[in-house]
Amino acid sequence: MKWKTKFEKTKEKLEEEGGDRWDFDQKPIKERPEHMIKVLDKLKDIVDELKKFMVLLGPKLKAVTGNIDNIDELLKSVKKLN
């Protein structure tokens, strides 16, 4: 997001100073950061869900189910995803 903001401000500054207008296709320049923003937002959502899952598999579940070994194995699998 900062890159996009900096790009727009730089473009505006150059044009205000009387420089050449940026008369070229800006789409390729903007597509990559926009794509990365979407990917990183999705990654953040995944990490947030993993954190919730780790809490769910905590000591309270072990106490209720009494199935400590299977829960510990599942926790190890989830930690490998981080």
C-alpha atoms as a PDB file:
ATOM      1  CA  MET A   1       0.000   0.000   0.000  1.00  0.00           C
ATOM      2  CA  LYS A   2       2.877   2.372   0.829  1.00  0.00           C
ATOM      3  CA  TRP A   3       4.444   1.707  -2.568  1.00  0.00           C
ATOM      4  CA  LYS A   4       1.212   2.647  -4.345  1.00  0.00           C
ATOM      5  CA  THR A   5       0.882   5.838  -2.305  1.00  0.00           C
ATOM      6  CA  LYS A   6       4.521   6.793  -2.916  1.00  0.00           C
ATOM      7  CA  PHE A   7       4.122   6.095  -6.647  1.00  0.00           C
ATOM      8  CA  GLU A   8       1.091   8.392  -6.916  1.00  0.00           C
ATOM      9  CA  LYS A   9       2.736  11.181  -4.892  1.00  0.00           C
ATOM     10  CA  THR A  10       5.922  10.997  -6.968  1.00  0.00           C
ATOM     11  CA  LYS A  11       3.931  11.078 -10.179  1.00  0.00           C
ATOM     12  CA  GLU A  12       1.929  14.107  -9.018  1.00  0.00           C
ATOM     13  CA  LYS A  13       5.079  15.925  -7.862  1.00  0.00           C
ATOM     14  CA  LEU A  14       6.847  15.390 -11.173  1.00  0.00           C
ATOM     15  CA  GLU A  15       3.834  16.603 -13.120  1.00  0.00           C
ATOM     16  CA  GLU A  16       3.406  19.660 -10.860  1.00  0.00           C
ATOM     17  CA  GLU A  17       7.043  20.612 -11.389  1.00  0.00           C
ATOM     18  CA  GLY A  18       6.365  20.827 -15.089  1.00  0.00           C
ATOM     19  CA  GLY A  19       8.041  17.632 -16.069  1.00  0.00           C
ATOM     20  CA  ASP A  20       6.744  15.366 -18.757  1.00  0.00           C
ATOM     21  CA  ARG A  21       3.448  13.732 -18.072  1.00  0.00           C
ATOM     22  CA  TRP A  22       3.525  10.051 -17.406  1.00  0.00           C
ATOM     23  CA  ASP A  23       1.827   9.134 -20.655  1.00  0.00           C
ATOM     24  CA  PHE A  24       2.504   5.438 -20.603  1.00  0.00           C
ATOM     25  CA  ASP A  25       0.512   2.411 -19.595  1.00  0.00           C
ATOM     26  CA  GLN A  26       0.661   2.338 -15.806  1.00  0.00           C
ATOM     27  CA  LYS A  27      -1.305  -0.880 -15.570  1.00  0.00           C
ATOM     28  CA  PRO A  28       1.748  -3.205 -15.521  1.00  0.00           C
ATOM     29  CA  ILE A  29       3.407  -1.059 -12.851  1.00  0.00           C
ATOM     30  CA  LYS A  30       0.342  -1.129 -10.608  1.00  0.00           C
ATOM     31  CA  GLU A  31      -0.764  -4.727 -11.171  1.00  0.00           C
ATOM     32  CA  ARG A  32       2.104  -6.426  -9.337  1.00  0.00           C
ATOM     33  CA  PRO A  33       1.764  -4.488  -6.046  1.00  0.00           C
ATOM     34  CA  GLU A  34      -2.026  -4.863  -6.153  1.00  0.00           C
ATOM     35  CA  HIS A  35      -1.623  -8.604  -6.658  1.00  0.00           C
ATOM     36  CA  MET A  36       0.870  -8.794  -3.774  1.00  0.00           C
ATOM     37  CA  ILE A  37      -1.512  -6.865  -1.515  1.00  0.00           C
ATOM     38  CA  LYS A  38      -4.225  -9.444  -2.220  1.00  0.00           C
ATOM     39  CA  VAL A  39      -1.843 -12.360  -1.630  1.00  0.00           C
ATOM     40  CA  LEU A  40      -0.557 -10.877   1.635  1.00  0.00           C
ATOM     41  CA  ASP A  41      -4.108 -10.151   2.838  1.00  0.00           C
ATOM     42  CA  LYS A  42      -5.053 -13.778   2.187  1.00  0.00           C
ATOM     43  CA  LEU A  43      -1.904 -14.963   3.945  1.00  0.00           C
ATOM     44  CA  LYS A  44      -2.763 -12.824   6.966  1.00  0.00           C
ATOM     45  CA  ASP A  45      -6.248 -14.371   7.044  1.00  0.00           C
ATOM     46  CA  ILE A  46      -4.705 -17.866   6.969  1.00  0.00           C
ATOM     47  CA  VAL A  47      -2.316 -17.026   9.817  1.00  0.00           C
ATOM     48  CA  ASP A  48      -5.185 -15.597  11.871  1.00  0.00           C
ATOM     49  CA  GLU A  49      -7.190 -18.795  11.363  1.00  0.00           C
ATOM     50  CA  LEU A  50      -4.182 -20.940  12.312  1.00  0.00           C
ATOM     51  CA  LYS A  51      -3.830 -18.970  15.549  1.00  0.00           C
ATOM     52  CA  LYS A  52      -7.503 -19.648  16.354  1.00  0.00           C
ATOM     53  CA  PHE A  53      -6.982 -23.326  15.586  1.00  0.00           C
ATOM     54  CA  MET A  54      -3.974 -23.482  17.912  1.00  0.00           C
ATOM     55  CA  VAL A  55      -6.043 -22.009  20.748  1.00  0.00           C
ATOM     56  CA  LEU A  56      -8.815 -24.519  20.052  1.00  0.00           C
ATOM     57  CA  LEU A  57      -6.338 -27.388  20.339  1.00  0.00           C
ATOM     58  CA  GLY A  58      -5.074 -26.128  23.686  1.00  0.00           C
ATOM     59  CA  PRO A  59      -5.254 -27.514  27.210  1.00  0.00           C
ATOM     60  CA  LYS A  60      -9.021 -27.089  27.552  1.00  0.00           C
ATOM     61  CA  LEU A  61      -9.706 -29.481  24.673  1.00  0.00           C
ATOM     62  CA  LYS A  62      -7.211 -31.965  26.095  1.00  0.00           C
ATOM     63  CA  ALA A  63      -8.939 -31.816  29.463  1.00  0.00           C
ATOM     64  CA  VAL A  64     -12.385 -32.353  27.968  1.00  0.00           C
ATOM     65  CA  THR A  65     -11.500 -35.134  25.541  1.00  0.00           C
ATOM     66  CA  GLY A  66      -8.728 -36.860  27.441  1.00  0.00           C
ATOM     67  CA  ASN A  67      -7.178 -37.566  24.043  1.00  0.00           C
ATOM     68  CA  ILE A  68      -3.872 -35.842  24.680  1.00  0.00           C
ATOM     69  CA  ASP A  69      -1.668 -37.845  22.290  1.00  0.00           C
ATOM     70  CA  ASN A  70      -3.863 -37.310  19.212  1.00  0.00           C
ATOM     71  CA  ILE A  71      -4.268 -33.617  19.979  1.00  0.00           C
ATOM     72  CA  ASP A  72      -0.502 -33.239  20.415  1.00  0.00           C
ATOM     73  CA  GLU A  73       0.061 -34.912  17.041  1.00  0.00           C
ATOM     74  CA  LEU A  74      -2.464 -32.579  15.417  1.00  0.00           C
ATOM     75  CA  LEU A  75      -0.756 -29.593  17.056  1.00  0.00           C
ATOM     76  CA  LYS A  76       2.579 -30.689  15.610  1.00  0.00           C
ATOM     77  CA  SER A  77       1.000 -30.872  12.158  1.00  0.00           C
ATOM     78  CA  VAL A  78      -0.497 -27.401  12.517  1.00  0.00           C
ATOM     79  CA  LYS A  79       2.835 -25.957  13.727  1.00  0.00           C
ATOM     80  CA  LYS A  80       4.536 -27.296  10.626  1.00  0.00           C
ATOM     81  CA  LEU A  81       2.188 -25.108   8.569  1.00  0.00           C
ATOM     82  CA  ASN A  82       3.552 -21.921  10.155  1.00  0.00           C
END
